[in-house]
Amino acid sequence: MRKVAVTTLVACMLALVFASASGVAAAPKESEPMRCEMAASLDLSDPNAHWVGPVTGCDIEGTLEVFETPANFFPGQTEHFFETFILTTDSGVISGVDNGVWAFNTFKFRANGWITQATGDWSYLVGYKLHESGYTSAFPPTEGTIVTLSGTMFFVEP
């Protein structure tokens, strides 16, 4: 009788261990980042120069405007920048801040930021992280006053 009780108790304990372990494995996964393509141009002859261009290739499609803030600094071969951005879509507006680095020798940039305001269909994005990376055309421009960029934006759940 004692053997049956111990065996039953051990079996129950094992069942609890396996049940809780399977519950951990079944926890919901963090959602995948939303990946978008971006392109923009900057007309250096414009007194209110800022980056403007399309965001495409994801659920969010619209016009991106990026405004650099005056706190840029240039240690060595890089520019460290601080920006605000507005992404206007048919379904609402997304805005936020980012900061990053741009290399003079490779024209590569990388920035990290977050969504501070969003309206309409995009209101759930407030608090999301933003990661950007890509390349600009040569700077200073070899012809004219237009600098372009192309790259990727990732919207990441907090």
Protein backbone atom coordinates (compact mmCIF):
# COMPACT_ATOMS: atom_id res chain seq x y z
CA MET A 1 0.00 0.00 0.00
CA ARG A 2 2.81 2.36 0.90
CA LYS A 3 4.55 1.60 -2.43
CA VAL A 4 1.37 2.49 -4.37
CA ALA A 5 1.02 5.81 -2.48
CA VAL A 6 4.67 6.77 -3.12
CA THR A 7 4.39 5.78 -6.79
CA THR A 8 1.19 7.84 -7.16
CA LEU A 9 2.78 10.83 -5.43
CA VAL A 10 5.89 10.67 -7.67
CA ALA A 11 3.70 10.33 -10.77
CA CYS A 12 1.69 13.42 -9.74
CA MET A 13 4.85 15.43 -9.10
CA LEU A 14 6.26 14.47 -12.51
CA ALA A 15 2.97 15.40 -14.16
CA LEU A 16 3.13 18.85 -12.51
CA VAL A 17 6.75 19.36 -13.60
CA PHE A 18 5.97 18.45 -17.22
CA ALA A 19 2.77 20.52 -17.23
CA SER A 20 4.55 23.65 -16.00
CA ALA A 21 7.45 23.10 -18.41
CA SER A 22 5.07 22.80 -21.35
CA GLY A 23 3.31 25.97 -20.17
CA VAL A 24 6.60 27.88 -20.35
CA ALA A 25 7.31 26.54 -23.82
CA ALA A 26 3.85 27.57 -24.97
CA ALA A 27 4.26 31.21 -23.87
CA PRO A 28 3.49 33.63 -26.69
CA LYS A 29 6.46 34.76 -28.74
CA GLU A 30 7.38 38.41 -29.03
CA SER A 31 6.10 39.71 -32.36
CA GLU A 32 8.52 40.11 -35.23
CA PRO A 33 9.77 43.63 -36.01
CA MET A 34 7.95 45.39 -38.85
CA ARG A 35 10.51 45.96 -41.64
CA CYS A 36 10.03 48.84 -44.09
CA GLU A 37 12.12 50.28 -46.89
CA MET A 38 12.87 54.00 -46.96
CA ALA A 39 14.36 56.46 -49.40
CA ALA A 40 14.77 60.20 -49.03
CA SER A 41 16.49 63.22 -50.45
CA LEU A 42 17.91 66.37 -48.91
CA ASP A 43 18.16 69.59 -50.96
CA LEU A 44 21.03 71.53 -49.42
CA SER A 45 19.96 74.72 -51.24
CA ASP A 46 16.63 74.81 -49.37
CA PRO A 47 16.79 77.15 -46.34
CA ASN A 48 14.51 74.68 -44.48
CA ALA A 49 16.42 71.63 -45.69
CA HIS A 50 15.26 68.29 -44.31
CA TRP A 51 15.06 64.72 -45.58
CA VAL A 52 11.85 63.80 -47.46
CA GLY A 53 10.90 60.53 -49.11
CA PRO A 54 8.70 57.44 -49.22
CA VAL A 55 8.42 54.54 -46.79
CA THR A 56 7.27 51.36 -48.55
CA GLY A 57 7.33 47.58 -48.42
CA CYS A 58 5.36 47.09 -45.19
CA ASP A 59 1.97 47.81 -43.63
CA ILE A 60 3.10 51.40 -43.10
CA GLU A 61 3.37 53.28 -46.38
CA GLY A 62 3.65 57.02 -46.50
CA THR A 63 5.91 60.05 -46.65
CA LEU A 64 8.79 60.40 -44.22
CA GLU A 65 10.17 63.80 -43.18
CA VAL A 66 13.31 63.88 -41.02
CA PHE A 67 14.60 67.03 -39.32
CA GLU A 68 18.12 67.11 -37.90
CA THR A 69 18.50 68.98 -34.63
CA PRO A 70 21.45 71.33 -34.11
CA ALA A 71 23.26 69.05 -31.65
CA ASN A 72 25.36 67.25 -34.30
CA PHE A 73 29.03 66.65 -33.58
CA PHE A 74 31.86 65.27 -35.69
CA PRO A 75 34.50 63.16 -33.92
CA GLY A 76 36.97 61.74 -36.44
CA GLN A 77 35.36 60.30 -39.57
CA THR A 78 31.78 60.25 -38.27
CA GLU A 79 28.83 62.53 -37.73
CA HIS A 80 26.71 61.88 -34.65
CA PHE A 81 23.22 63.18 -35.26
CA PHE A 82 19.95 63.73 -33.44
CA GLU A 83 16.66 63.91 -35.36
CA THR A 84 12.92 64.19 -35.15
CA PHE A 85 10.74 62.52 -37.75
CA ILE A 86 7.16 62.53 -39.02
CA LEU A 87 5.74 59.70 -41.12
CA THR A 88 2.43 60.66 -42.73
CA THR A 89 0.16 57.89 -44.07
CA ASP A 90 -3.44 57.66 -45.27
CA SER A 91 -4.30 56.02 -41.91
CA GLY A 92 -2.58 58.36 -39.45
CA VAL A 93 0.65 60.06 -38.49
CA ILE A 94 3.66 58.57 -36.68
CA SER A 95 6.35 60.75 -35.11
CA GLY A 96 9.34 60.31 -32.87
CA VAL A 97 13.02 60.88 -32.27
CA ASP A 98 16.22 59.07 -33.11
CA ASN A 99 19.96 59.47 -32.86
CA GLY A 100 22.68 57.80 -34.79
CA VAL A 101 25.99 57.89 -36.56
CA TRP A 102 26.96 58.45 -40.20
CA ALA A 103 30.42 57.60 -41.59
CA PHE A 104 32.13 60.08 -43.95
CA ASN A 105 34.23 57.38 -45.61
CA THR A 106 31.51 54.74 -46.30
CA PHE A 107 28.38 56.98 -46.29
CA LYS A 108 26.70 54.36 -44.09
CA PHE A 109 24.30 55.41 -41.34
CA ARG A 110 22.67 53.69 -38.38
CA ALA A 111 20.16 55.19 -35.95
CA ASN A 112 18.02 54.12 -33.00
CA GLY A 113 15.00 55.87 -31.58
CA TRP A 114 11.40 55.44 -30.54
CA ILE A 115 7.88 56.42 -31.49
CA THR A 116 6.64 59.25 -29.26
CA GLN A 117 3.27 60.00 -30.91
CA ALA A 118 0.97 58.22 -33.35
CA THR A 119 -2.59 58.75 -34.53
CA GLY A 120 -5.27 56.73 -36.28
CA ASP A 121 -4.48 53.12 -37.15
CA TRP A 122 -0.93 53.59 -35.85
CA SER A 123 -1.72 54.76 -32.29
CA TYR A 124 -0.60 51.36 -30.93
CA LEU A 125 2.97 52.15 -32.06
CA VAL A 126 3.59 54.73 -29.30
CA GLY A 127 6.53 53.41 -27.29
CA TYR A 128 7.82 51.16 -30.09
CA LYS A 129 11.55 51.24 -30.79
CA LEU A 130 12.81 52.34 -34.19
CA HIS A 131 16.01 51.11 -35.85
CA GLU A 132 17.26 52.52 -39.16
CA SER A 133 20.25 51.74 -41.33
CA GLY A 134 21.37 52.36 -44.88
CA TYR A 135 23.57 54.49 -47.12
CA THR A 136 23.61 58.04 -48.42
CA SER A 137 24.98 59.29 -51.70
CA ALA A 138 28.41 60.92 -51.59
CA PHE A 139 28.78 64.01 -49.47
CA PRO A 140 29.36 66.70 -50.38
CA PRO A 141 27.40 66.02 -53.58
CA THR A 142 29.55 65.90 -56.71
CA GLU A 143 26.84 67.63 -58.78
CA GLY A 144 24.13 69.97 -57.57
CA THR A 145 22.87 70.16 -54.02
CA ILE A 146 20.84 66.94 -53.60
CA VAL A 147 21.92 64.17 -51.21
CA THR A 148 19.94 60.91 -51.22
CA LEU A 149 19.61 57.97 -48.87
CA SER A 150 18.16 54.48 -49.00
CA GLY A 151 17.77 52.04 -46.21
CA THR A 152 15.60 50.01 -43.88
CA MET A 153 13.41 50.93 -40.89
CA PHE A 154 12.42 48.44 -38.22
CA PHE A 155 9.56 49.07 -35.81
CA VAL A 156 10.13 46.89 -32.74
CA GLU A 157 7.61 46.17 -30.01
CA PRO A 158 8.75 47.50 -26.61
